[in-house]
Protein backbone atom coordinates (compact mmCIF):
# COMPACT_ATOMS: atom_id res chain seq x y z
CA MET A 1 72.31 170.76 94.18
CA ASN A 2 74.66 168.83 91.89
CA THR A 3 73.10 165.60 90.58
CA ALA A 4 76.16 164.45 88.57
CA LYS A 5 77.31 160.97 89.45
CA LYS A 6 80.80 160.50 90.75
CA ALA A 7 83.09 157.96 89.09
CA THR A 8 84.15 154.93 91.07
CA VAL A 9 87.57 155.39 92.61
CA GLY A 10 90.15 152.65 92.86
CA VAL A 11 92.61 150.54 90.94
CA ARG A 12 91.54 148.49 87.99
CA ALA A 13 91.75 144.78 88.75
CA LYS A 14 94.78 143.10 87.22
CA LYS A 15 94.75 139.75 85.52
CA LEU A 16 96.43 137.23 87.83
CA ASP A 17 99.86 136.07 86.68
CA TYR A 18 100.52 132.43 87.46
CA SER A 19 103.53 132.09 85.14
CA ALA A 20 106.11 132.00 87.94
CA GLY A 21 104.20 129.26 89.75
CA ARG A 22 103.74 127.24 86.57
CA ALA A 23 107.46 127.56 85.77
CA ALA A 24 108.38 126.41 89.29
CA ALA A 25 106.01 123.44 88.98
CA ARG A 26 107.58 122.50 85.62
CA ARG A 27 111.07 122.63 87.15
CA THR A 28 109.94 120.51 90.10
CA ARG A 29 108.32 117.92 87.81
CA ALA A 30 111.45 117.77 85.66
CA ALA A 31 113.70 117.34 88.71
CA THR A 32 111.42 114.64 90.12
CA ALA A 33 111.36 112.80 86.78
CA ALA A 34 115.16 112.99 86.53
CA ALA A 35 115.58 111.65 90.08
CA ARG A 36 113.12 108.83 89.33
CA ALA A 37 114.96 107.89 86.11
CA GLU A 38 118.26 107.86 88.01
CA ALA A 39 116.73 105.69 90.75
CA GLU A 40 115.33 103.28 88.15
CA ALA A 41 118.74 102.96 86.51
CA SER A 42 120.41 102.39 89.88
CA LEU A 43 117.95 99.71 91.00
CA ARG A 44 118.12 98.11 87.56
CA GLY A 45 121.88 97.85 88.12
CA ARG A 46 121.25 96.06 91.44
CA SER A 47 118.96 93.53 89.78
CA GLY A 48 120.12 89.96 90.33
CA THR A 49 121.47 90.59 93.83
CA GLN A 50 120.34 90.01 97.40
CA LEU A 51 119.01 92.97 99.36
CA ALA A 52 121.33 92.15 102.28
CA GLY A 53 124.34 93.06 100.13
CA TRP A 54 123.11 96.51 99.12
CA ALA A 55 124.91 99.70 100.02
CA GLU A 56 123.05 102.84 101.12
CA LEU A 57 120.16 103.96 98.92
CA SER A 58 119.35 107.56 98.06
CA GLU A 59 115.89 108.86 98.97
CA PRO A 60 114.50 108.44 95.40
CA GLU A 61 115.95 104.90 95.28
CA LEU A 62 114.34 104.05 98.61
CA ASP A 63 110.98 105.45 97.48
CA LEU A 64 111.15 103.35 94.31
CA LEU A 65 112.23 100.22 96.18
CA VAL A 66 109.31 100.55 98.60
CA GLU A 67 106.98 100.99 95.61
CA LEU A 68 108.45 97.91 93.95
CA LEU A 69 108.20 95.82 97.11
CA GLY A 70 104.57 96.89 97.42
CA SER A 71 103.77 95.97 93.82
CA ARG A 72 104.67 92.34 94.16
CA ALA A 73 101.91 89.82 93.75
CA ARG A 74 100.93 87.39 96.46
CA GLU A 75 102.83 84.16 96.66
CA SER A 76 101.30 81.41 94.56
CA PRO A 77 100.85 78.01 96.20
CA GLY A 78 103.88 75.83 95.55
CA GLN A 79 106.04 78.77 94.38
CA SER A 80 108.42 80.77 96.49
CA ALA A 81 109.00 83.57 93.95
CA ARG A 82 106.73 86.60 94.02
CA VAL A 83 106.21 88.56 90.83
CA GLY A 84 104.51 91.91 90.45
CA VAL A 85 104.18 94.75 87.96
CA THR A 86 104.31 98.41 88.90
CA GLY A 87 101.13 100.47 88.65
CA ASP A 88 102.35 102.21 85.49
CA GLY A 89 103.07 98.84 83.86
CA ARG A 90 106.71 99.68 83.14
CA TRP A 91 108.56 97.35 85.52
CA ARG A 92 108.22 93.73 86.57
CA VAL A 93 109.78 92.88 89.91
CA THR A 94 110.56 89.30 90.93
CA LEU A 95 111.36 88.60 94.56
CA THR A 96 112.72 85.21 95.55
CA PRO A 97 113.79 84.31 99.09
CA ALA A 98 117.60 84.33 99.20
CA ASP A 99 119.44 81.06 99.75
CA SER A 100 121.74 82.55 102.40
CA GLY A 101 121.21 81.86 106.10
CA SER A 102 120.06 85.42 106.87
CA GLY A 103 116.30 85.72 106.62
CA SER A 104 116.29 89.51 106.81
CA ALA A 105 118.09 92.41 105.19
CA VAL A 106 118.84 95.90 106.47
CA VAL A 107 119.06 98.49 103.69
CA PRO A 108 120.44 101.86 104.89
CA SER A 109 119.17 105.18 103.55
CA PRO A 110 119.39 108.86 104.51
CA ARG A 111 116.02 108.51 106.27
CA GLY A 112 117.03 105.47 108.32
CA ARG A 113 117.04 101.75 107.64
CA LEU A 114 114.61 99.55 105.76
CA VAL A 115 114.38 96.10 107.32
CA THR A 116 112.79 93.48 105.09
CA VAL A 117 113.08 89.88 103.99
CA ASN A 118 116.42 89.20 102.32
CA TRP A 119 114.96 88.91 98.84
CA TYR A 120 116.89 88.01 95.70
CA PHE A 121 115.79 91.08 93.71
CA GLU A 122 115.20 91.09 89.94
CA LEU A 123 113.90 94.10 88.02
CA ASP A 124 112.99 93.81 84.35
CA SER A 125 111.14 95.92 81.85
CA ALA A 126 107.52 94.78 81.62
CA ARG A 127 107.12 95.99 78.06
């Protein structure tokens, strides 16, 4: 009878390689940051205008506009302007009801239309 122990058979476990996933995540973050910067520049260029006069927004511009509209502070008694600062503290948005007769604005985008109050939109750096 042979009492020698037999070696375990199989493949040695490999160290997991996440480098491709990390590289893809870096590329995605960079593309998202670039799209956000472009959207900020575009909306900054529209500052001082009424929403009703805006041409179609790109998806990143629409996402940023919705964020900016959501960041506005509540209306103060006796004041019609609404001022808010984005969550990251970078942008101050001021929304004032437009003087024109139209109370609403339709802003087209690739995803559809955003219908909102026809605000006079101002975007400034908060820093």
